[in-house]
Amino acid sequence: MEMTKFGKLAALGLALAIAAGCSSKGGDSAGEGAVDPNAGYGANTSGVDGNLAAEEAALRAITTFYFEYDSADLKPEAMRALDVHAKDLKGNGARVVLEGHADERGTREYNMALGERRASAVQRYLVLQGVSPAQLELVSYGEERPLVLGSSEESWAQNRRVELRK
């Protein structure tokens, strides 16, 4: 029971850190609803019980999930946000599209397969949480739709993602 509170607390701290970090950046809104691929786990312990709705709303706003290089393994912060999305999807029966992406490194064919593996990882996680597979459509764009142009680790990190589209 105590670990559940800690997990919720950590998710709230992460969501607030992301919101604060995103609001301070200028420029376009292309990164809205995204989990910062370099986000940490800082958390504030005051008012945990009263902020559950705010925590869920912050996690619900996260619709982009980032991956490490050459990996389709979900990160813990992505799982927390996907838990909230799973709860919503089970309750409303809506359909969503899971769009898998990769950075520019590797062949086109490899990156298409990697984007599909990433979207499949999100799909598997949602199905394990009770979401019907019929509600989930998978699409892989590989390297074809980069979020950020450039050949740096910062650019590549933003392009290794799955986007949940409603």
N, C-alpha and C. Protein backbone atom coordinates (compact mmCIF):
# COMPACT_ATOMS: atom_id res chain seq x y z
N MET A 1 0.83 -1.19 0.00
CA MET A 1 0.00 0.00 0.00
C MET A 1 0.87 1.25 0.00
N GLU A 2 1.97 1.22 0.78
CA GLU A 2 2.86 2.37 0.86
C GLU A 2 3.56 2.61 -0.48
N MET A 3 3.90 1.54 -1.20
CA MET A 3 4.55 1.69 -2.50
C MET A 3 3.60 2.35 -3.50
N THR A 4 2.31 2.08 -3.40
CA THR A 4 1.35 2.70 -4.30
C THR A 4 1.35 4.20 -4.08
N LYS A 5 1.36 4.64 -2.82
CA LYS A 5 1.41 6.07 -2.53
C LYS A 5 2.70 6.67 -3.08
N PHE A 6 3.82 5.96 -2.88
CA PHE A 6 5.10 6.46 -3.37
C PHE A 6 5.08 6.57 -4.90
N GLY A 7 4.54 5.58 -5.57
CA GLY A 7 4.46 5.59 -7.04
C GLY A 7 3.62 6.76 -7.53
N LYS A 8 2.49 6.98 -6.86
CA LYS A 8 1.63 8.10 -7.24
C LYS A 8 2.33 9.43 -6.97
N LEU A 9 3.02 9.49 -5.87
CA LEU A 9 3.75 10.69 -5.51
C LEU A 9 4.85 10.97 -6.52
N ALA A 10 5.59 9.94 -6.90
CA ALA A 10 6.65 10.11 -7.89
C ALA A 10 6.08 10.53 -9.23
N ALA A 11 4.95 9.96 -9.63
CA ALA A 11 4.32 10.33 -10.90
C ALA A 11 3.87 11.78 -10.87
N LEU A 12 3.32 12.21 -9.75
CA LEU A 12 2.89 13.60 -9.62
C LEU A 12 4.08 14.53 -9.74
N GLY A 13 5.16 14.20 -9.04
CA GLY A 13 6.36 15.03 -9.12
C GLY A 13 6.90 15.09 -10.54
N LEU A 14 6.91 13.97 -11.22
CA LEU A 14 7.38 13.92 -12.60
C LEU A 14 6.49 14.75 -13.49
N ALA A 15 5.18 14.61 -13.35
CA ALA A 15 4.25 15.36 -14.18
C ALA A 15 4.39 16.87 -13.94
N LEU A 16 4.54 17.27 -12.69
CA LEU A 16 4.70 18.68 -12.38
C LEU A 16 6.03 19.21 -12.92
N ALA A 17 7.09 18.41 -12.82
CA ALA A 17 8.38 18.82 -13.35
C ALA A 17 8.31 19.00 -14.86
N ILE A 18 7.61 18.10 -15.53
CA ILE A 18 7.45 18.19 -16.98
C ILE A 18 6.66 19.43 -17.34
N ALA A 19 5.55 19.65 -16.63
CA ALA A 19 4.72 20.82 -16.91
C ALA A 19 5.50 22.10 -16.69
N ALA A 20 6.27 22.17 -15.63
CA ALA A 20 7.07 23.37 -15.37
C ALA A 20 8.14 23.55 -16.44
N GLY A 21 8.79 22.46 -16.82
CA GLY A 21 9.82 22.54 -17.85
C GLY A 21 9.27 22.93 -19.20
N CYS A 22 8.12 22.40 -19.55
CA CYS A 22 7.52 22.71 -20.85
C CYS A 22 7.02 24.13 -20.90
N SER A 23 6.50 24.65 -19.79
CA SER A 23 5.92 25.98 -19.80
C SER A 23 6.99 27.05 -19.89
N SER A 24 8.24 26.73 -19.55
CA SER A 24 9.28 27.74 -19.58
C SER A 24 9.96 27.83 -20.94
N LYS A 25 9.70 26.92 -21.82
CA LYS A 25 10.33 26.91 -23.12
C LYS A 25 9.51 27.75 -24.09
N GLY A 26 10.19 28.48 -24.93
CA GLY A 26 9.50 29.23 -25.97
C GLY A 26 9.37 28.38 -27.20
N GLY A 27 8.80 28.95 -28.26
CA GLY A 27 8.73 28.23 -29.52
C GLY A 27 7.37 27.61 -29.74
N ASP A 28 7.34 26.65 -30.69
CA ASP A 28 6.06 26.06 -31.05
C ASP A 28 5.62 25.02 -30.04
N SER A 29 4.43 24.48 -30.25
CA SER A 29 3.85 23.54 -29.29
C SER A 29 3.97 22.11 -29.76
N ALA A 30 4.95 21.79 -30.60
CA ALA A 30 5.08 20.43 -31.14
C ALA A 30 5.33 19.40 -30.05
N GLY A 31 5.90 19.78 -28.91
CA GLY A 31 6.21 18.83 -27.87
C GLY A 31 5.15 18.70 -26.80
N GLU A 32 3.97 19.28 -27.00
CA GLU A 32 2.93 19.21 -25.98
C GLU A 32 2.52 17.77 -25.73
N GLY A 33 2.24 17.47 -24.47
CA GLY A 33 1.79 16.13 -24.10
C GLY A 33 2.89 15.10 -24.15
N ALA A 34 4.13 15.53 -24.00
CA ALA A 34 5.25 14.61 -24.14
C ALA A 34 5.92 14.37 -22.79
N VAL A 35 6.44 13.17 -22.61
CA VAL A 35 7.26 12.85 -21.45
C VAL A 35 8.67 13.26 -21.81
N ASP A 36 9.31 14.10 -20.99
CA ASP A 36 10.68 14.50 -21.23
C ASP A 36 11.56 13.26 -21.17
N PRO A 37 12.30 12.94 -22.23
CA PRO A 37 13.09 11.71 -22.22
C PRO A 37 14.20 11.73 -21.19
N ASN A 38 14.54 12.89 -20.66
CA ASN A 38 15.59 12.98 -19.66
C ASN A 38 15.05 13.36 -18.29
N ALA A 39 13.74 13.19 -18.06
CA ALA A 39 13.11 13.61 -16.80
C ALA A 39 13.58 12.76 -15.64
N GLY A 40 13.62 13.37 -14.46
CA GLY A 40 14.04 12.67 -13.25
C GLY A 40 12.84 12.25 -12.42
N TYR A 41 13.09 11.90 -11.15
CA TYR A 41 12.05 11.38 -10.29
C TYR A 41 11.79 12.24 -9.06
N GLY A 42 12.10 13.52 -9.06
CA GLY A 42 11.89 14.36 -7.88
C GLY A 42 10.41 14.45 -7.54
N ALA A 43 10.10 14.53 -6.23
CA ALA A 43 8.70 14.59 -5.82
C ALA A 43 8.56 15.36 -4.52
N ASN A 44 7.45 16.05 -4.37
CA ASN A 44 7.12 16.78 -3.16
C ASN A 44 6.08 15.95 -2.41
N THR A 45 6.25 15.80 -1.08
CA THR A 45 5.38 14.90 -0.33
C THR A 45 4.18 15.58 0.29
N SER A 46 3.97 16.87 0.11
CA SER A 46 2.85 17.54 0.76
C SER A 46 1.58 17.41 -0.07
N GLY A 47 0.45 17.15 0.60
CA GLY A 47 -0.85 17.13 -0.05
C GLY A 47 -1.08 16.00 -1.03
N VAL A 48 -0.53 14.83 -0.79
CA VAL A 48 -0.62 13.72 -1.73
C VAL A 48 -2.07 13.31 -1.97
N ASP A 49 -2.84 13.09 -0.91
CA ASP A 49 -4.21 12.61 -1.06
C ASP A 49 -5.11 13.60 -1.78
N GLY A 50 -4.92 14.87 -1.57
CA GLY A 50 -5.76 15.88 -2.19
C GLY A 50 -5.44 16.15 -3.64
N ASN A 51 -4.33 15.62 -4.14
CA ASN A 51 -3.91 15.92 -5.51
C ASN A 51 -4.07 14.76 -6.48
N LEU A 52 -4.80 13.73 -6.11
CA LEU A 52 -4.95 12.57 -6.98
C LEU A 52 -5.56 12.95 -8.33
N ALA A 53 -6.59 13.79 -8.31
CA ALA A 53 -7.23 14.20 -9.57
C ALA A 53 -6.26 15.02 -10.42
N ALA A 54 -5.50 15.89 -9.78
CA ALA A 54 -4.53 16.69 -10.53
C ALA A 54 -3.43 15.81 -11.11
N GLU A 55 -3.00 14.83 -10.33
CA GLU A 55 -1.98 13.89 -10.79
C GLU A 55 -2.48 13.13 -12.01
N GLU A 56 -3.70 12.60 -11.93
CA GLU A 56 -4.26 11.86 -13.07
C GLU A 56 -4.40 12.75 -14.29
N ALA A 57 -4.82 13.99 -14.09
CA ALA A 57 -4.95 14.92 -15.22
C ALA A 57 -3.59 15.18 -15.87
N ALA A 58 -2.56 15.35 -15.05
CA ALA A 58 -1.22 15.57 -15.59
C ALA A 58 -0.73 14.35 -16.35
N LEU A 59 -0.98 13.17 -15.82
CA LEU A 59 -0.57 11.94 -16.51
C LEU A 59 -1.39 11.72 -17.78
N ARG A 60 -2.65 12.08 -17.76
CA ARG A 60 -3.52 11.95 -18.93
C ARG A 60 -3.03 12.84 -20.07
N ALA A 61 -2.43 13.97 -19.72
CA ALA A 61 -1.93 14.90 -20.74
C ALA A 61 -0.69 14.36 -21.46
N ILE A 62 -0.05 13.37 -20.87
CA ILE A 62 1.14 12.77 -21.50
C ILE A 62 0.68 11.78 -22.56
N THR A 63 0.96 12.09 -23.81
CA THR A 63 0.54 11.23 -24.91
C THR A 63 1.71 10.81 -25.80
N THR A 64 2.91 11.19 -25.43
CA THR A 64 4.10 10.79 -26.16
C THR A 64 5.03 10.08 -25.19
N PHE A 65 5.51 8.90 -25.60
CA PHE A 65 6.31 8.05 -24.74
C PHE A 65 7.64 7.78 -25.44
N TYR A 66 8.73 8.07 -24.74
CA TYR A 66 10.06 8.01 -25.34
C TYR A 66 10.78 6.72 -24.99
N PHE A 67 11.74 6.36 -25.85
CA PHE A 67 12.48 5.11 -25.73
C PHE A 67 13.98 5.37 -25.82
N GLU A 68 14.74 4.47 -25.26
CA GLU A 68 16.19 4.52 -25.38
C GLU A 68 16.58 4.09 -26.80
N TYR A 69 17.83 4.36 -27.14
CA TYR A 69 18.36 3.98 -28.45
C TYR A 69 18.21 2.48 -28.68
N ASP A 70 17.69 2.12 -29.84
CA ASP A 70 17.57 0.73 -30.29
C ASP A 70 16.79 -0.14 -29.29
N SER A 71 15.78 0.45 -28.64
CA SER A 71 15.02 -0.26 -27.61
C SER A 71 13.52 -0.06 -27.81
N ALA A 72 12.77 -1.08 -27.40
CA ALA A 72 11.31 -0.98 -27.38
C ALA A 72 10.80 -1.23 -25.96
N ASP A 73 11.66 -1.03 -24.96
CA ASP A 73 11.29 -1.23 -23.56
C ASP A 73 10.66 0.04 -23.01
N LEU A 74 9.48 -0.12 -22.38
CA LEU A 74 8.80 1.02 -21.78
C LEU A 74 9.53 1.48 -20.52
N LYS A 75 9.58 2.78 -20.33
CA LYS A 75 10.17 3.37 -19.13
C LYS A 75 9.10 3.43 -18.04
N PRO A 76 9.51 3.42 -16.77
CA PRO A 76 8.53 3.47 -15.67
C PRO A 76 7.61 4.68 -15.73
N GLU A 77 8.12 5.84 -16.11
CA GLU A 77 7.26 7.03 -16.18
C GLU A 77 6.21 6.89 -17.28
N ALA A 78 6.54 6.17 -18.34
CA ALA A 78 5.55 5.91 -19.40
C ALA A 78 4.46 4.98 -18.88
N MET A 79 4.85 3.99 -18.11
CA MET A 79 3.87 3.04 -17.57
C MET A 79 2.86 3.74 -16.66
N ARG A 80 3.32 4.69 -15.87
CA ARG A 80 2.39 5.41 -14.98
C ARG A 80 1.37 6.18 -15.79
N ALA A 81 1.79 6.85 -16.84
CA ALA A 81 0.85 7.59 -17.69
C ALA A 81 -0.07 6.63 -18.44
N LEU A 82 0.48 5.51 -18.91
CA LEU A 82 -0.34 4.53 -19.62
C LEU A 82 -1.37 3.88 -18.71
N ASP A 83 -1.10 3.78 -17.42
CA ASP A 83 -2.10 3.26 -16.48
C ASP A 83 -3.34 4.15 -16.47
N VAL A 84 -3.14 5.46 -16.50
CA VAL A 84 -4.27 6.40 -16.52
C VAL A 84 -5.01 6.29 -17.85
N HIS A 85 -4.27 6.21 -18.95
CA HIS A 85 -4.91 6.06 -20.27
C HIS A 85 -5.70 4.75 -20.34
N ALA A 86 -5.15 3.68 -19.77
CA ALA A 86 -5.85 2.39 -19.77
C ALA A 86 -7.16 2.50 -19.01
N LYS A 87 -7.13 3.14 -17.87
CA LYS A 87 -8.35 3.34 -17.07
C LYS A 87 -9.41 4.08 -17.89
N ASP A 88 -9.00 5.14 -18.58
CA ASP A 88 -9.93 5.91 -19.41
C ASP A 88 -10.47 5.07 -20.57
N LEU A 89 -9.58 4.36 -21.26
CA LEU A 89 -9.99 3.57 -22.41
C LEU A 89 -10.95 2.45 -22.02
N LYS A 90 -10.70 1.83 -20.87
CA LYS A 90 -11.62 0.78 -20.40
C LYS A 90 -12.98 1.37 -20.09
N GLY A 91 -13.00 2.60 -19.59
CA GLY A 91 -14.25 3.23 -19.20
C GLY A 91 -15.05 3.78 -20.35
N ASN A 92 -14.38 4.27 -21.39
CA ASN A 92 -15.13 4.93 -22.46
C ASN A 92 -15.16 4.15 -23.78
N GLY A 93 -14.37 3.11 -23.92
CA GLY A 93 -14.40 2.29 -25.12
C GLY A 93 -13.86 2.97 -26.37
N ALA A 94 -13.20 4.12 -26.21
CA ALA A 94 -12.69 4.86 -27.37
C ALA A 94 -11.57 4.09 -28.06
N ARG A 95 -11.36 4.43 -29.32
CA ARG A 95 -10.26 3.85 -30.08
C ARG A 95 -9.12 4.86 -30.15
N VAL A 96 -7.89 4.36 -30.12
CA VAL A 96 -6.72 5.22 -30.25
C VAL A 96 -5.75 4.60 -31.25
N VAL A 97 -4.91 5.46 -31.80
CA VAL A 97 -3.86 5.02 -32.72
C VAL A 97 -2.53 5.17 -31.98
N LEU A 98 -1.71 4.13 -32.04
CA LEU A 98 -0.38 4.14 -31.44
C LEU A 98 0.62 4.26 -32.58
N GLU A 99 1.26 5.42 -32.69
CA GLU A 99 2.18 5.71 -33.78
C GLU A 99 3.62 5.52 -33.31
N GLY A 100 4.30 4.54 -33.87
CA GLY A 100 5.69 4.25 -33.51
C GLY A 100 6.67 5.00 -34.40
N HIS A 101 7.72 5.55 -33.79
CA HIS A 101 8.72 6.34 -34.51
C HIS A 101 10.12 5.91 -34.08
N ALA A 102 11.10 6.22 -34.94
CA ALA A 102 12.51 5.95 -34.66
C ALA A 102 13.33 7.15 -35.08
N ASP A 103 14.57 7.22 -34.62
CA ASP A 103 15.44 8.30 -35.09
C ASP A 103 16.01 7.91 -36.45
N GLU A 104 16.82 8.77 -37.01
CA GLU A 104 17.29 8.58 -38.38
C GLU A 104 18.37 7.53 -38.56
N ARG A 105 18.93 7.04 -37.46
CA ARG A 105 20.00 6.05 -37.57
C ARG A 105 19.41 4.69 -37.93
N GLY A 106 20.11 3.94 -38.73
CA GLY A 106 19.62 2.64 -39.18
C GLY A 106 18.96 2.75 -40.54
N THR A 107 18.70 1.60 -41.14
CA THR A 107 18.05 1.60 -42.45
C THR A 107 16.57 1.91 -42.30
N ARG A 108 15.97 2.29 -43.39
CA ARG A 108 14.53 2.59 -43.40
C ARG A 108 13.74 1.38 -42.92
N GLU A 109 14.08 0.20 -43.42
CA GLU A 109 13.37 -1.02 -43.05
C GLU A 109 13.52 -1.33 -41.56
N TYR A 110 14.75 -1.19 -41.06
CA TYR A 110 15.00 -1.45 -39.64
C TYR A 110 14.18 -0.50 -38.78
N ASN A 111 14.16 0.78 -39.13
CA ASN A 111 13.45 1.77 -38.34
C ASN A 111 11.93 1.58 -38.41
N MET A 112 11.42 1.11 -39.54
CA MET A 112 9.98 0.79 -39.62
C MET A 112 9.66 -0.33 -38.64
N ALA A 113 10.51 -1.36 -38.61
CA ALA A 113 10.29 -2.48 -37.69
C ALA A 113 10.44 -2.03 -36.23
N LEU A 114 11.40 -1.17 -35.95
CA LEU A 114 11.61 -0.67 -34.59
C LEU A 114 10.42 0.18 -34.14
N GLY A 115 9.91 1.03 -35.03
CA GLY A 115 8.71 1.81 -34.70
C GLY A 115 7.53 0.91 -34.40
N GLU A 116 7.41 -0.18 -35.15
CA GLU A 116 6.33 -1.14 -34.89
C GLU A 116 6.51 -1.86 -33.56
N ARG A 117 7.76 -2.25 -33.24
CA ARG A 117 8.01 -2.90 -31.95
C ARG A 117 7.68 -1.96 -30.79
N ARG A 118 7.98 -0.68 -30.95
CA ARG A 118 7.68 0.29 -29.89
C ARG A 118 6.17 0.46 -29.73
N ALA A 119 5.45 0.59 -30.83
CA ALA A 119 3.99 0.71 -30.74
C ALA A 119 3.39 -0.57 -30.16
N SER A 120 3.95 -1.72 -30.52
CA SER A 120 3.47 -3.00 -29.98
C SER A 120 3.72 -3.11 -28.48
N ALA A 121 4.83 -2.55 -28.01
CA ALA A 121 5.12 -2.57 -26.56
C ALA A 121 4.07 -1.77 -25.80
N VAL A 122 3.68 -0.62 -26.34
CA VAL A 122 2.63 0.18 -25.70
C VAL A 122 1.30 -0.57 -25.76
N GLN A 123 1.01 -1.18 -26.91
CA GLN A 123 -0.23 -1.95 -27.05
C GLN A 123 -0.28 -3.10 -26.03
N ARG A 124 0.81 -3.86 -25.93
CA ARG A 124 0.85 -4.98 -24.98
C ARG A 124 0.60 -4.50 -23.56
N TYR A 125 1.21 -3.39 -23.19
CA TYR A 125 1.04 -2.87 -21.85
C TYR A 125 -0.43 -2.48 -21.60
N LEU A 126 -1.03 -1.78 -22.56
CA LEU A 126 -2.44 -1.38 -22.40
C LEU A 126 -3.36 -2.59 -22.32
N VAL A 127 -3.10 -3.60 -23.14
CA VAL A 127 -3.92 -4.83 -23.12
C VAL A 127 -3.77 -5.53 -21.77
N LEU A 128 -2.56 -5.57 -21.24
CA LEU A 128 -2.35 -6.17 -19.93
C LEU A 128 -3.10 -5.42 -18.82
N GLN A 129 -3.37 -4.14 -19.06
CA GLN A 129 -4.12 -3.34 -18.10
C GLN A 129 -5.63 -3.46 -18.32
N GLY A 130 -6.05 -4.26 -19.29
CA GLY A 130 -7.47 -4.53 -19.50
C GLY A 130 -8.11 -3.84 -20.68
N VAL A 131 -7.34 -3.12 -21.49
CA VAL A 131 -7.88 -2.46 -22.68
C VAL A 131 -8.08 -3.50 -23.77
N SER A 132 -9.19 -3.42 -24.47
CA SER A 132 -9.46 -4.34 -25.57
C SER A 132 -8.53 -4.07 -26.74
N PRO A 133 -7.92 -5.11 -27.32
CA PRO A 133 -7.07 -4.90 -28.50
C PRO A 133 -7.81 -4.24 -29.66
N ALA A 134 -9.12 -4.41 -29.71
CA ALA A 134 -9.91 -3.79 -30.78
C ALA A 134 -9.91 -2.26 -30.68
N GLN A 135 -9.56 -1.72 -29.53
CA GLN A 135 -9.52 -0.27 -29.34
C GLN A 135 -8.20 0.34 -29.80
N LEU A 136 -7.23 -0.49 -30.14
CA LEU A 136 -5.88 -0.01 -30.40
C LEU A 136 -5.45 -0.31 -31.83
N GLU A 137 -5.09 0.73 -32.55
CA GLU A 137 -4.57 0.58 -33.91
C GLU A 137 -3.09 0.95 -33.90
N LEU A 138 -2.26 0.13 -34.53
CA LEU A 138 -0.83 0.38 -34.56
C LEU A 138 -0.40 0.88 -35.93
N VAL A 139 0.49 1.87 -35.93
CA VAL A 139 1.07 2.40 -37.16
C VAL A 139 2.54 2.65 -36.87
N SER A 140 3.41 2.29 -37.81
CA SER A 140 4.82 2.62 -37.66
C SER A 140 5.22 3.58 -38.77
N TYR A 141 5.84 4.68 -38.36
CA TYR A 141 6.37 5.64 -39.32
C TYR A 141 7.88 5.56 -39.41
N GLY A 142 8.50 4.72 -38.57
CA GLY A 142 9.96 4.61 -38.60
C GLY A 142 10.60 5.97 -38.43
N GLU A 143 11.49 6.31 -39.34
CA GLU A 143 12.20 7.60 -39.29
C GLU A 143 11.52 8.66 -40.15
N GLU A 144 10.38 8.33 -40.75
CA GLU A 144 9.76 9.19 -41.76
C GLU A 144 9.14 10.48 -41.23
N ARG A 145 8.77 10.53 -39.95
CA ARG A 145 8.12 11.72 -39.39
C ARG A 145 8.85 12.18 -38.12
N PRO A 146 10.05 12.74 -38.29
CA PRO A 146 10.78 13.19 -37.10
C PRO A 146 10.06 14.36 -36.44
N LEU A 147 10.09 14.39 -35.13
CA LEU A 147 9.55 15.51 -34.38
C LEU A 147 10.53 16.66 -34.40
N VAL A 148 11.83 16.33 -34.35
CA VAL A 148 12.90 17.32 -34.32
C VAL A 148 13.91 16.95 -35.40
N LEU A 149 14.28 17.92 -36.22
CA LEU A 149 15.32 17.69 -37.23
C LEU A 149 16.68 17.90 -36.59
N GLY A 150 17.65 17.14 -37.03
CA GLY A 150 19.00 17.29 -36.52
C GLY A 150 19.65 15.95 -36.30
N SER A 151 20.96 15.98 -36.18
CA SER A 151 21.73 14.75 -36.00
C SER A 151 22.51 14.82 -34.69
N SER A 152 21.80 15.09 -33.62
CA SER A 152 22.41 15.14 -32.30
C SER A 152 21.63 14.20 -31.38
N GLU A 153 22.22 13.85 -30.25
CA GLU A 153 21.53 12.97 -29.30
C GLU A 153 20.22 13.59 -28.83
N GLU A 154 20.20 14.91 -28.65
CA GLU A 154 18.98 15.59 -28.21
C GLU A 154 17.87 15.42 -29.25
N SER A 155 18.20 15.57 -30.51
CA SER A 155 17.22 15.40 -31.58
C SER A 155 16.76 13.95 -31.67
N TRP A 156 17.72 13.05 -31.65
CA TRP A 156 17.38 11.63 -31.76
C TRP A 156 16.50 11.18 -30.60
N ALA A 157 16.78 11.67 -29.39
CA ALA A 157 15.99 11.29 -28.21
C ALA A 157 14.53 11.70 -28.37
N GLN A 158 14.27 12.84 -28.99
CA GLN A 158 12.90 13.30 -29.20
C GLN A 158 12.18 12.49 -30.29
N ASN A 159 12.94 11.89 -31.18
CA ASN A 159 12.35 11.14 -32.29
C ASN A 159 12.11 9.67 -31.98
N ARG A 160 12.68 9.15 -30.91
CA ARG A 160 12.47 7.75 -30.50
C ARG A 160 11.23 7.71 -29.61
N ARG A 161 10.04 7.50 -30.21
CA ARG A 161 8.82 7.70 -29.44
C ARG A 161 7.65 6.89 -29.99
N VAL A 162 6.61 6.82 -29.16
CA VAL A 162 5.29 6.37 -29.59
C VAL A 162 4.32 7.48 -29.19
N GLU A 163 3.49 7.88 -30.13
CA GLU A 163 2.46 8.88 -29.85
C GLU A 163 1.12 8.21 -29.80
N LEU A 164 0.36 8.52 -28.75
CA LEU A 164 -1.00 8.01 -28.59
C LEU A 164 -1.94 9.08 -29.13
N ARG A 165 -2.62 8.78 -30.21
CA ARG A 165 -3.53 9.72 -30.88
C ARG A 165 -4.97 9.29 -30.67
N LYS A 166 -5.78 10.20 -30.19
CA LYS A 166 -7.20 9.90 -29.97
C LYS A 166 -8.02 10.25 -31.19
